Amino acid sequence: MLGLAVCIDVQGFDLGYLYAQLIIGSLYGGPVVTMGLAVIYAMAQWLMMDGSWGWIEMAGTLLFVIPIISLYNHDFFRKNTRTKYTVALGLTALVLLIRLCAFIRFYDVRHPDLQTSDYITIIAHQLSYLVIVSIGIACAEHFIRFRQVHHRLVKVSDKFRIEVQKLQQFIEETPLGVIFVDQTGTITHINEMAIHLLKDKVGGKTRDELLGQPFTIMYDHIEKDVMGRLIHQALNGHKVTTEYVQDQGKIYLNSGICVRDMANNEIIGAALIAHDMTELSRLRDELGRMERLSLVGQMAASITHEIRNPLAVIRGFVQLMGERSPDNQKEYYRIVIEELDRANCIINDFLSLAQNRVIEKNSRSLHDIINEILPLLWADANMRGQSLELKLADYIPMLMLNEKEMKQLILNLSRNGMEAMDQHGILSLETATFENYVELRVTDTGSGIPKEKLEHLFEPFYTTKSHGTGLGLPLCLSIMERHGGVIQVESKEGTGTTFVVRFDRNRNAYEAAAARSRD
């Protein structure tokens, strides 16, 4: 359209720049644009047609110039700027040569009255074609470079934005208090954990209120405040400085880090990282205590194991003495034997609890184990005047169980429930199958357990009964841990207590597969 707009007529000779748009647009636009521009060119030439030479000129352009442009390697043209100028100016020179032949052959003959100024105008116009095409190529190259730079800038900007977002999310989600300041000491970033740790120093200010403030607002005196001192040292070139601080019963590990420009190694800011080490220190102390308790437990297990032998001897002699004693003294010997048996029972429970052994498991049905000890449970219930209810599921999967320990677990929980009830109490054993676990519930209708005692039930030697050893429930917990399950208690005073035992089906399936592979 621009080529048509600037077209002028000099004694019947059309002077325009339609070829400049055709050549430049086709070289940069590819086949589709070339075809579009060729159609526009043909229409323009048809509108301005003057004589037979116009048809020859249009035919030469469409059949000669356009195919050369179409056959030219467009991708290679984009890669080499010098080639762009060579091809564009070469095609322009070819078109000018065609038009020059037209001028000599037709216009000069048909218009003998052409003035010198007309010749100068036509020649100047033809030569300006090369200038116009050169300017067009330069503008196109500038535009392409601008688009390429813009595209790279967008990609770099997006990458930078993503990296900043990842860094910000990491800083926000980390359990560490993080503060960044620039080289002037102005706070540029502070996360919520840092604000929480500094709540006594920042006076309840929000993050938006702290950003842009000097870090000196966080302390009164630099020599007394560790955080302020660490930031000050980092801004003065100290690479990493770390100090432990104890404040209001908590232990903090504070680190000041000097942030430098990697290009010129200049200091561009500092970072402060505060880590609450209180829980870690407490866990370390607890681990040390548990190791000492484990050592004591191993020693106690060895001692109690040796005590059983003299107890057995004492019991035998006491029983012999009781048989030979007068009738009025037999009651005393009976009491002594019962207490010796009770002591031996405590030792057995303690040894079972203290031993961290690997147990042998087989694929068993929990229902089969319950049915095997059912007569014993019925006998205990009848002796106390109580009832026993079974609510077994229709289907229960096979589990990897140690039969002896499972019987001990069920007996302990059942007898605990019976001892918690008076006459006419009802003990219920219920099983159920869920997607991820198998559940056994042992429920009594006793008086329930106070809430403050529930959290201590599984502690060794803690008992709510007057004659209990406090080892039954810890032993049940130990059995479930060896089976990869959990045991929980639900109780309400005046209603009763339920012990919930859950076996992980996924773990059982894995153990069963491992057992089959060994076989």
Protein backbone atom coordinates (compact mmCIF):
# COMPACT_ATOMS: atom_id res chain seq x y z
CA MET A 1 0.00 0.00 0.00
CA LEU A 2 2.89 2.34 0.80
CA GLY A 3 4.45 1.57 -2.59
CA LEU A 4 1.20 2.55 -4.31
CA ALA A 5 0.84 5.70 -2.24
CA VAL A 6 4.20 7.16 -3.25
CA CYS A 7 3.90 6.17 -6.92
CA ILE A 8 4.24 9.05 -9.40
CA ASP A 9 4.07 9.27 -13.19
CA VAL A 10 6.83 10.85 -15.26
CA GLN A 11 5.77 11.14 -18.86
CA GLY A 12 3.94 7.81 -18.64
CA PHE A 13 6.73 6.04 -16.75
CA ASP A 14 5.53 4.83 -13.32
CA LEU A 15 7.93 5.61 -10.48
CA GLY A 16 7.07 3.76 -7.26
CA TYR A 17 8.60 1.46 -4.66
CA LEU A 18 6.26 -1.47 -5.03
CA TYR A 19 9.16 -3.84 -5.72
CA ALA A 20 10.91 -2.87 -2.47
CA GLN A 21 7.98 -4.12 -0.37
CA LEU A 22 7.64 -7.20 -2.57
CA ILE A 23 11.31 -8.19 -2.29
CA ILE A 24 11.85 -7.39 1.41
CA GLY A 25 8.50 -8.75 2.55
CA SER A 26 8.92 -11.99 0.58
CA LEU A 27 12.47 -12.61 1.84
CA TYR A 28 11.47 -12.11 5.49
CA GLY A 29 7.92 -13.44 5.38
CA GLY A 30 8.31 -16.84 3.75
CA PRO A 31 6.14 -18.59 1.11
CA VAL A 32 2.72 -17.50 2.42
CA VAL A 33 3.66 -13.83 2.64
CA THR A 34 5.36 -14.08 -0.78
CA MET A 35 2.15 -15.33 -2.38
CA GLY A 36 0.11 -12.60 -0.71
CA LEU A 37 2.47 -9.86 -1.82
CA ALA A 38 2.56 -11.31 -5.34
CA VAL A 39 -1.23 -11.04 -5.54
CA ILE A 40 -1.11 -7.42 -4.32
CA TYR A 41 1.64 -6.64 -6.83
CA ALA A 42 -0.30 -8.18 -9.71
CA MET A 43 -3.44 -6.22 -8.81
CA ALA A 44 -1.48 -2.95 -8.53
CA GLN A 45 0.27 -3.52 -11.86
CA TRP A 46 -3.04 -4.36 -13.52
CA LEU A 47 -4.58 -1.11 -12.24
CA MET A 48 -1.60 0.91 -13.55
CA MET A 49 -1.16 -1.05 -16.76
CA ASP A 50 0.02 1.11 -19.73
CA GLY A 51 0.88 -0.75 -22.88
CA SER A 52 2.09 -4.23 -23.65
CA TRP A 53 5.36 -3.73 -21.79
CA GLY A 54 3.43 -3.61 -18.51
CA TRP A 55 2.23 -7.16 -19.14
CA ILE A 56 5.77 -8.24 -19.97
CA GLU A 57 7.10 -6.58 -16.81
CA MET A 58 4.46 -8.21 -14.61
CA ALA A 59 4.97 -11.61 -16.26
CA GLY A 60 8.76 -11.38 -15.82
CA THR A 61 8.34 -10.49 -12.17
CA LEU A 62 5.84 -13.27 -11.40
CA LEU A 63 7.60 -15.94 -13.47
CA PHE A 64 11.22 -15.03 -12.76
CA VAL A 65 11.70 -12.87 -9.64
CA ILE A 66 9.05 -14.54 -7.47
CA PRO A 67 10.31 -18.11 -8.14
CA ILE A 68 13.86 -17.04 -7.23
CA ILE A 69 12.58 -15.69 -3.93
CA SER A 70 10.47 -18.83 -3.33
CA LEU A 71 13.36 -21.19 -4.08
CA TYR A 72 15.71 -19.26 -1.84
CA ASN A 73 16.57 -20.98 1.51
CA HIS A 74 14.49 -18.92 3.90
CA ASP A 75 16.08 -20.39 7.09
CA PHE A 76 19.58 -19.75 5.81
CA PHE A 77 18.54 -16.23 4.84
CA ARG A 78 17.60 -15.54 8.47
CA LYS A 79 21.00 -16.65 9.76
CA ASN A 80 23.31 -14.43 7.73
CA THR A 81 22.86 -10.64 7.61
CA ARG A 82 25.35 -10.16 4.77
CA THR A 83 23.46 -12.68 2.65
CA LYS A 84 20.27 -10.76 3.27
CA TYR A 85 21.74 -7.59 1.83
CA THR A 86 23.29 -9.47 -1.11
CA VAL A 87 20.07 -11.25 -2.09
CA ALA A 88 17.83 -8.22 -1.57
CA LEU A 89 20.08 -5.81 -3.47
CA GLY A 90 20.74 -8.40 -6.21
CA LEU A 91 17.03 -8.92 -6.82
CA THR A 92 16.49 -5.16 -6.74
CA ALA A 93 19.22 -4.69 -9.33
CA LEU A 94 17.57 -7.38 -11.49
CA VAL A 95 14.23 -5.58 -11.34
CA LEU A 96 15.87 -2.26 -12.11
CA LEU A 97 17.59 -3.84 -15.08
CA ILE A 98 14.24 -5.07 -16.38
CA ARG A 99 12.71 -1.61 -15.91
CA LEU A 100 15.71 0.04 -17.58
CA CYS A 101 15.25 -2.18 -20.62
CA ALA A 102 11.59 -1.19 -20.68
CA PHE A 103 12.50 2.47 -20.53
CA ILE A 104 15.03 2.18 -23.37
CA ARG A 105 12.83 -0.02 -25.54
CA PHE A 106 9.48 1.69 -25.16
CA TYR A 107 9.27 4.89 -23.18
CA ASP A 108 12.27 6.59 -24.72
CA VAL A 109 10.97 5.83 -28.21
CA ARG A 110 7.37 6.75 -27.48
CA HIS A 111 8.29 9.95 -25.64
CA PRO A 112 11.04 11.73 -27.58
CA ASP A 113 10.14 14.96 -25.81
CA LEU A 114 11.54 13.80 -22.44
CA GLN A 115 13.52 16.54 -20.79
CA THR A 116 16.89 16.19 -19.09
CA SER A 117 15.21 16.70 -15.75
CA ASP A 118 12.93 13.76 -16.52
CA TYR A 119 15.96 11.57 -17.17
CA ILE A 120 17.56 12.72 -13.94
CA THR A 121 14.35 12.04 -12.01
CA ILE A 122 13.99 8.54 -13.44
CA ILE A 123 17.65 7.62 -12.90
CA ALA A 124 17.63 9.06 -9.37
CA HIS A 125 14.47 7.13 -8.61
CA GLN A 126 15.96 3.87 -9.86
CA LEU A 127 19.14 4.36 -7.83
CA SER A 128 17.13 5.30 -4.74
CA TYR A 129 15.58 1.83 -4.96
CA LEU A 130 18.86 0.42 -3.66
CA VAL A 131 18.89 2.94 -0.81
CA ILE A 132 15.25 2.20 0.07
CA VAL A 133 15.89 -1.55 0.06
CA SER A 134 19.02 -1.11 2.20
CA ILE A 135 17.07 1.02 4.67
CA GLY A 136 14.26 -1.57 4.67
CA ILE A 137 16.70 -4.40 5.41
CA ALA A 138 18.32 -2.34 8.20
CA CYS A 139 14.93 -1.56 9.76
CA ALA A 140 13.86 -5.21 9.51
CA GLU A 141 17.11 -6.36 11.10
CA HIS A 142 16.72 -3.83 13.89
CA PHE A 143 13.17 -5.00 14.50
CA ILE A 144 14.23 -8.68 14.51
CA ARG A 145 17.07 -8.00 16.94
CA PHE A 146 14.68 -6.05 19.13
CA ARG A 147 12.21 -8.97 19.12
CA GLN A 148 14.98 -11.45 19.86
CA VAL A 149 16.30 -9.36 22.74
CA HIS A 150 12.74 -8.92 24.00
CA HIS A 151 12.13 -12.67 23.76
CA ARG A 152 15.35 -13.44 25.65
CA LEU A 153 14.50 -10.78 28.20
CA VAL A 154 11.05 -12.33 28.73
CA LYS A 155 12.59 -15.78 29.18
CA VAL A 156 15.23 -14.48 31.58
CA SER A 157 12.57 -12.49 33.43
CA ASP A 158 10.31 -15.56 33.73
CA LYS A 159 13.21 -17.71 34.90
CA PHE A 160 14.23 -15.05 37.40
CA ARG A 161 10.64 -14.72 38.61
CA ILE A 162 10.33 -18.49 39.08
CA GLU A 163 13.63 -18.66 40.96
CA VAL A 164 12.58 -15.77 43.18
CA GLN A 165 9.24 -17.45 43.90
CA LYS A 166 10.97 -20.73 44.78
CA LEU A 167 13.38 -18.90 47.07
CA GLN A 168 10.57 -16.94 48.72
CA GLN A 169 8.46 -20.07 49.25
CA PHE A 170 11.47 -21.90 50.68
CA ILE A 171 12.21 -19.04 53.06
CA GLU A 172 8.56 -18.81 54.11
CA GLU A 173 8.09 -22.53 54.68
CA THR A 174 11.42 -23.27 56.37
CA PRO A 175 11.29 -23.65 60.17
CA LEU A 176 14.19 -21.20 60.40
CA GLY A 177 13.96 -17.50 61.11
CA VAL A 178 15.46 -15.68 58.09
CA ILE A 179 16.28 -11.97 57.73
CA PHE A 180 17.95 -10.33 54.70
CA VAL A 181 19.38 -6.79 54.73
CA ASP A 182 21.05 -4.83 51.94
CA GLN A 183 24.47 -3.18 52.12
CA THR A 184 23.00 -0.19 53.96
CA GLY A 185 21.47 -2.41 56.66
CA THR A 186 17.87 -2.02 55.43
CA ILE A 187 15.61 -5.04 55.90
CA THR A 188 14.66 -6.43 52.47
CA HIS A 189 13.07 -9.70 53.58
CA ILE A 190 11.92 -11.25 56.84
CA ASN A 191 9.80 -14.37 57.22
CA GLU A 192 7.07 -15.11 59.74
CA MET A 193 9.30 -17.40 61.81
CA ALA A 194 11.80 -14.59 62.31
CA ILE A 195 9.00 -12.23 63.34
CA HIS A 196 7.80 -14.87 65.82
CA LEU A 197 11.29 -15.26 67.29
CA LEU A 198 11.69 -11.48 67.51
CA LYS A 199 8.17 -10.71 68.76
CA ASP A 200 9.53 -9.17 71.96
CA LYS A 201 11.94 -6.94 70.02
CA VAL A 202 9.83 -5.77 67.08
CA GLY A 203 6.92 -4.68 69.26
CA GLY A 204 4.18 -6.53 67.38
CA LYS A 205 5.03 -4.99 64.00
CA THR A 206 3.95 -6.81 60.85
CA ARG A 207 6.21 -7.81 57.99
CA ASP A 208 5.10 -4.89 55.82
CA GLU A 209 5.98 -2.50 58.64
CA LEU A 210 9.44 -4.05 59.09
CA LEU A 211 10.40 -4.14 55.41
CA GLY A 212 12.42 -1.08 54.46
CA GLN A 213 13.37 -0.36 58.09
CA PRO A 214 16.99 -0.44 59.32
CA PHE A 215 17.89 -3.65 61.17
CA THR A 216 18.90 -1.56 64.19
CA ILE A 217 15.22 -1.35 65.23
CA MET A 218 15.49 -4.97 66.41
CA TYR A 219 17.88 -4.30 69.32
CA ASP A 220 18.79 -1.69 71.89
CA HIS A 221 22.57 -2.07 72.06
CA ILE A 222 24.70 -3.86 69.49
CA GLU A 223 27.08 -5.33 72.07
CA LYS A 224 24.24 -6.88 74.05
CA ASP A 225 22.09 -8.18 71.20
CA VAL A 226 23.43 -11.24 69.39
CA MET A 227 21.32 -10.87 66.23
CA GLY A 228 22.26 -7.25 65.71
CA ARG A 229 25.91 -8.02 66.33
CA LEU A 230 25.90 -10.90 63.84
CA ILE A 231 24.33 -8.75 61.09
CA HIS A 232 26.79 -5.95 61.81
CA GLN A 233 29.74 -8.35 61.58
CA ALA A 234 28.41 -9.85 58.33
CA LEU A 235 28.05 -6.39 56.75
CA ASN A 236 31.67 -5.74 57.72
CA GLY A 237 32.94 -8.77 55.83
CA HIS A 238 32.79 -11.67 58.29
CA LYS A 239 31.90 -14.66 56.09
CA VAL A 240 29.95 -16.75 58.62
CA THR A 241 29.57 -16.10 62.34
CA THR A 242 27.62 -18.44 64.63
CA GLU A 243 26.55 -18.08 68.26
CA TYR A 244 24.34 -20.07 70.63
CA VAL A 245 21.86 -18.09 72.71
CA GLN A 246 19.70 -19.15 75.64
CA ASP A 247 16.63 -16.99 76.11
CA GLN A 248 13.59 -17.70 78.30
CA GLY A 249 14.33 -21.40 78.51
CA LYS A 250 14.95 -21.80 74.76
CA ILE A 251 18.19 -22.42 72.88
CA TYR A 252 18.81 -20.66 69.57
CA LEU A 253 21.55 -21.14 66.99
CA ASN A 254 22.06 -17.80 65.24
CA SER A 255 24.23 -17.46 62.14
CA GLY A 256 25.22 -14.24 60.38
CA ILE A 257 26.21 -14.65 56.71
CA CYS A 258 27.93 -12.10 54.51
CA VAL A 259 26.30 -11.90 51.05
CA ARG A 260 28.65 -10.87 48.21
CA ASP A 261 28.30 -10.15 44.50
CA MET A 262 29.85 -13.19 42.81
CA ALA A 263 31.06 -11.05 39.90
CA ASN A 264 33.17 -8.52 41.81
CA ASN A 265 33.11 -9.93 45.37
CA GLU A 266 31.61 -6.74 46.76
CA ILE A 267 29.41 -6.92 49.86
CA ILE A 268 25.79 -6.46 48.79
CA GLY A 269 24.07 -7.39 52.03
CA ALA A 270 23.84 -9.85 54.90
CA ALA A 271 21.57 -12.64 56.08
CA LEU A 272 20.68 -13.80 59.56
CA ILE A 273 19.42 -17.36 60.15
CA ALA A 274 17.96 -18.25 63.56
CA HIS A 275 17.25 -21.89 64.42
CA ASP A 276 15.31 -22.93 67.52
CA MET A 277 17.43 -25.80 68.89
CA THR A 278 15.35 -26.33 72.04
CA GLU A 279 13.50 -29.41 70.84
CA LEU A 280 16.62 -30.90 69.27
CA SER A 281 18.56 -30.36 72.50
CA ARG A 282 15.71 -31.92 74.47
CA LEU A 283 15.64 -34.92 72.13
CA ARG A 284 19.40 -35.30 72.46
CA ASP A 285 19.11 -35.30 76.24
CA GLU A 286 16.19 -37.75 76.03
CA LEU A 287 18.21 -40.03 73.77
CA GLY A 288 21.07 -40.02 76.27
CA ARG A 289 18.63 -40.79 79.05
CA MET A 290 17.07 -43.62 77.07
CA GLU A 291 20.50 -45.09 76.37
CA ARG A 292 21.28 -45.03 80.08
CA LEU A 293 17.88 -46.57 80.86
CA SER A 294 18.48 -49.25 78.23
CA LEU A 295 21.79 -50.12 79.86
CA VAL A 296 20.13 -50.24 83.27
CA GLY A 297 17.32 -52.37 81.81
CA GLN A 298 19.79 -54.85 80.34
CA MET A 299 21.57 -55.10 83.68
CA ALA A 300 18.25 -55.51 85.49
CA ALA A 301 17.16 -58.22 83.05
CA SER A 302 20.36 -60.14 83.72
CA ILE A 303 19.93 -59.75 87.48
CA THR A 304 16.26 -60.78 87.51
CA HIS A 305 17.07 -63.80 85.36
CA GLU A 306 19.54 -64.93 87.99
CA ILE A 307 17.06 -64.24 90.83
CA ARG A 308 14.59 -66.79 89.49
CA ASN A 309 16.84 -69.71 90.35
CA PRO A 310 17.11 -68.96 94.09
CA LEU A 311 13.39 -68.11 94.16
CA ALA A 312 12.60 -71.55 92.78
CA VAL A 313 14.78 -73.14 95.49
CA ILE A 314 13.15 -71.04 98.22
CA ARG A 315 9.67 -71.94 96.95
CA GLY A 316 10.50 -75.64 96.99
CA PHE A 317 11.78 -75.57 100.55
CA VAL A 318 8.87 -73.42 101.76
CA GLN A 319 6.44 -75.88 100.18
CA LEU A 320 8.27 -78.76 101.88
CA MET A 321 8.24 -76.97 105.23
CA GLY A 322 4.53 -76.24 104.83
CA GLU A 323 3.75 -79.88 104.31
CA ARG A 324 5.59 -80.80 107.53
CA SER A 325 4.28 -77.92 109.64
CA PRO A 326 1.28 -78.01 112.01
CA ASP A 327 -2.11 -77.22 110.54
CA ASN A 328 -2.31 -73.87 112.31
CA GLN A 329 0.80 -72.67 110.40
CA LYS A 330 -0.08 -73.91 106.89
CA GLU A 331 -1.86 -70.63 106.09
CA TYR A 332 1.39 -68.71 106.60
CA TYR A 333 3.28 -70.97 104.22
CA ARG A 334 0.49 -70.63 101.65
CA ILE A 335 0.79 -66.84 101.76
CA VAL A 336 4.59 -67.06 101.35
CA ILE A 337 4.24 -69.37 98.33
CA GLU A 338 1.64 -67.05 96.71
CA GLU A 339 3.96 -64.07 97.13
CA LEU A 340 6.88 -66.05 95.70
CA ASP A 341 4.71 -66.97 92.73
CA ARG A 342 3.71 -63.33 92.35
CA ALA A 343 7.36 -62.26 92.42
CA ASN A 344 8.20 -64.89 89.80
CA CYS A 345 5.29 -63.65 87.63
CA ILE A 346 6.62 -60.07 87.86
CA ILE A 347 10.08 -61.28 86.83
CA ASN A 348 8.66 -63.15 83.82
CA ASP A 349 6.69 -60.10 82.68
CA PHE A 350 9.71 -57.89 83.16
CA LEU A 351 11.94 -60.21 81.14
CA SER A 352 9.34 -60.39 78.35
CA LEU A 353 9.18 -56.59 78.30
CA ALA A 354 12.95 -56.08 78.45
CA GLN A 355 13.83 -58.58 75.73
CA ASN A 356 14.11 -56.97 72.29
CA ARG A 357 14.09 -60.21 70.38
CA VAL A 358 13.13 -61.11 66.84
CA ILE A 359 10.01 -63.26 66.97
CA GLU A 360 8.95 -65.94 64.52
CA LYS A 361 5.69 -65.18 62.74
CA ASN A 362 3.40 -67.42 60.75
CA SER A 363 0.33 -66.77 58.64
CA ARG A 364 -2.54 -67.18 61.09
CA SER A 365 -6.16 -66.15 61.45
CA LEU A 366 -6.86 -63.90 64.41
CA HIS A 367 -10.21 -65.68 64.81
CA ASP A 368 -8.49 -69.06 65.22
CA ILE A 369 -6.30 -67.69 68.00
CA ILE A 370 -9.33 -66.18 69.78
CA ASN A 371 -11.25 -69.45 69.52
CA GLU A 372 -8.30 -71.39 70.96
CA ILE A 373 -8.21 -69.31 74.16
CA LEU A 374 -11.98 -68.89 74.32
CA PRO A 375 -12.51 -71.71 76.89
CA LEU A 376 -10.01 -70.05 79.21
CA LEU A 377 -11.78 -66.69 78.84
CA TRP A 378 -15.17 -68.30 79.52
CA ALA A 379 -13.79 -69.94 82.66
CA ASP A 380 -12.40 -66.64 83.98
CA ALA A 381 -15.67 -64.84 83.22
CA ASN A 382 -17.83 -67.54 84.89
CA MET A 383 -15.63 -67.49 87.97
CA ARG A 384 -16.30 -63.74 88.32
CA GLY A 385 -20.00 -63.97 87.45
CA GLN A 386 -19.48 -62.03 84.24
CA SER A 387 -20.52 -62.50 80.62
CA LEU A 388 -18.48 -62.74 77.45
CA GLU A 389 -19.69 -61.49 74.05
CA LEU A 390 -18.09 -62.22 70.67
CA LYS A 391 -18.69 -59.99 67.64
CA LEU A 392 -16.38 -61.51 65.07
CA ALA A 393 -16.35 -60.27 61.48
CA ASP A 394 -17.61 -62.55 58.72
CA TYR A 395 -14.26 -62.34 56.96
CA ILE A 396 -10.82 -61.52 58.24
CA PRO A 397 -7.57 -61.85 56.22
CA MET A 398 -4.65 -63.98 57.29
CA LEU A 399 -1.99 -62.08 59.22
CA MET A 400 1.67 -62.71 60.03
CA LEU A 401 1.41 -63.37 63.80
CA ASN A 402 3.30 -64.99 66.62
CA GLU A 403 0.69 -67.27 68.19
CA LYS A 404 2.14 -67.27 71.69
CA GLU A 405 2.40 -63.48 71.90
CA MET A 406 -1.07 -62.97 70.42
CA LYS A 407 -2.59 -65.25 73.04
CA GLN A 408 -0.71 -63.35 75.75
CA LEU A 409 -1.94 -60.02 74.34
CA ILE A 410 -5.61 -61.09 74.21
CA LEU A 411 -5.47 -62.69 77.67
CA ASN A 412 -3.86 -59.60 79.23
CA LEU A 413 -6.40 -57.20 77.72
CA SER A 414 -9.35 -59.49 78.54
CA ARG A 415 -8.29 -60.06 82.14
CA ASN A 416 -7.65 -56.33 82.60
CA GLY A 417 -11.22 -55.72 81.46
CA MET A 418 -12.62 -58.42 83.75
CA GLU A 419 -10.74 -57.05 86.76
CA ALA A 420 -12.14 -53.57 86.03
CA MET A 421 -15.76 -54.85 86.21
CA ASP A 422 -17.91 -56.10 89.06
CA GLN A 423 -20.32 -59.02 88.88
CA HIS A 424 -22.71 -59.05 85.93
CA GLY A 425 -20.19 -57.10 83.82
CA ILE A 426 -19.93 -57.82 80.10
CA LEU A 427 -16.65 -58.23 78.24
CA SER A 428 -16.87 -57.85 74.46
CA LEU A 429 -14.36 -59.01 71.83
CA GLU A 430 -15.02 -57.54 68.38
CA THR A 431 -13.10 -57.81 65.11
CA ALA A 432 -13.43 -55.81 61.91
CA THR A 433 -11.64 -55.56 58.55
CA PHE A 434 -10.82 -52.24 56.89
CA GLU A 435 -8.93 -51.34 53.74
CA ASN A 436 -5.57 -50.73 55.42
CA TYR A 437 -5.83 -52.53 58.74
CA VAL A 438 -7.51 -55.28 60.78
CA GLU A 439 -8.95 -54.20 64.11
CA LEU A 440 -9.55 -56.01 67.41
CA ARG A 441 -11.58 -54.21 70.10
CA VAL A 442 -11.71 -55.44 73.71
CA THR A 443 -14.46 -53.58 75.58
CA ASP A 444 -15.52 -53.78 79.23
CA THR A 445 -18.44 -52.21 81.09
CA GLY A 446 -16.39 -51.17 84.09
CA SER A 447 -16.08 -47.81 85.79
CA GLY A 448 -13.71 -46.39 83.17
CA ILE A 449 -10.33 -44.72 83.57
CA PRO A 450 -9.87 -41.07 84.57
CA LYS A 451 -8.57 -38.86 81.78
CA GLU A 452 -5.44 -37.84 83.68
CA LYS A 453 -4.41 -41.51 83.98
CA LEU A 454 -4.92 -42.51 80.35
CA GLU A 455 -1.60 -41.12 79.10
CA HIS A 456 0.34 -43.13 81.71
CA LEU A 457 -1.30 -46.52 81.10
CA PHE A 458 1.50 -47.92 78.95
CA GLU A 459 4.32 -46.78 81.23
CA PRO A 460 6.13 -49.65 82.99
CA PHE A 461 5.12 -50.22 86.64
CA TYR A 462 2.20 -47.78 86.39
CA THR A 463 -1.10 -49.41 87.38
CA THR A 464 -4.61 -48.39 88.38
CA LYS A 465 -5.18 -51.64 90.30
CA SER A 466 -4.31 -52.21 93.94
CA HIS A 467 -2.44 -55.48 93.26
CA GLY A 468 -1.23 -54.91 89.69
CA THR A 469 2.40 -55.05 88.60
CA GLY A 470 2.09 -52.32 85.97
CA LEU A 471 3.77 -54.52 83.33
CA GLY A 472 0.76 -56.02 81.53
CA LEU A 473 -0.10 -53.10 79.24
CA PRO A 474 3.56 -52.18 78.50
CA LEU A 475 4.02 -55.83 77.53
CA CYS A 476 0.99 -55.59 75.18
CA LEU A 477 2.47 -52.43 73.65
CA SER A 478 5.80 -54.20 73.14
CA ILE A 479 4.05 -57.13 71.42
CA MET A 480 2.20 -54.81 69.02
CA GLU A 481 5.40 -52.92 68.20
CA ARG A 482 7.04 -56.21 67.23
CA HIS A 483 4.03 -56.94 65.01
CA GLY A 484 4.12 -53.49 63.38
CA GLY A 485 0.72 -52.51 64.77
CA VAL A 486 -0.68 -50.01 67.25
CA ILE A 487 -2.69 -50.23 70.44
CA GLN A 488 -4.92 -47.43 71.71
CA VAL A 489 -7.30 -46.95 74.62
CA GLU A 490 -10.71 -45.27 74.67
CA SER A 491 -12.36 -44.75 78.03
CA LYS A 492 -15.17 -42.79 79.59
CA GLU A 493 -15.72 -42.70 83.33
CA GLY A 494 -18.87 -44.55 84.38
CA THR A 495 -19.26 -46.23 80.98
CA GLY A 496 -16.29 -48.49 80.39
CA THR A 497 -13.02 -48.88 78.52
CA THR A 498 -12.10 -50.14 75.06
CA PHE A 499 -8.64 -51.24 73.98
CA VAL A 500 -8.23 -50.97 70.20
CA VAL A 501 -5.59 -53.14 68.52
CA ARG A 502 -4.83 -52.53 64.82
CA PHE A 503 -2.69 -54.62 62.48
CA ASP A 504 -1.29 -52.99 59.35
CA ARG A 505 -2.45 -55.06 56.36
CA ASN A 506 0.16 -53.59 54.00
CA ARG A 507 3.01 -54.49 56.31
CA ASN A 508 1.57 -57.96 56.85
CA ALA A 509 1.32 -58.50 53.11
CA TYR A 510 4.97 -57.45 52.70
CA GLU A 511 6.09 -59.80 55.51
CA ALA A 512 4.03 -62.65 54.05
CA ALA A 513 5.63 -62.15 50.62
CA ALA A 514 9.10 -62.07 52.21
CA ALA A 515 8.34 -65.30 54.10
CA ARG A 516 7.20 -67.04 50.89
CA SER A 517 10.36 -65.93 49.07
CA ARG A 518 12.52 -67.40 51.86
CA ASP A 519 10.65 -70.67 51.66
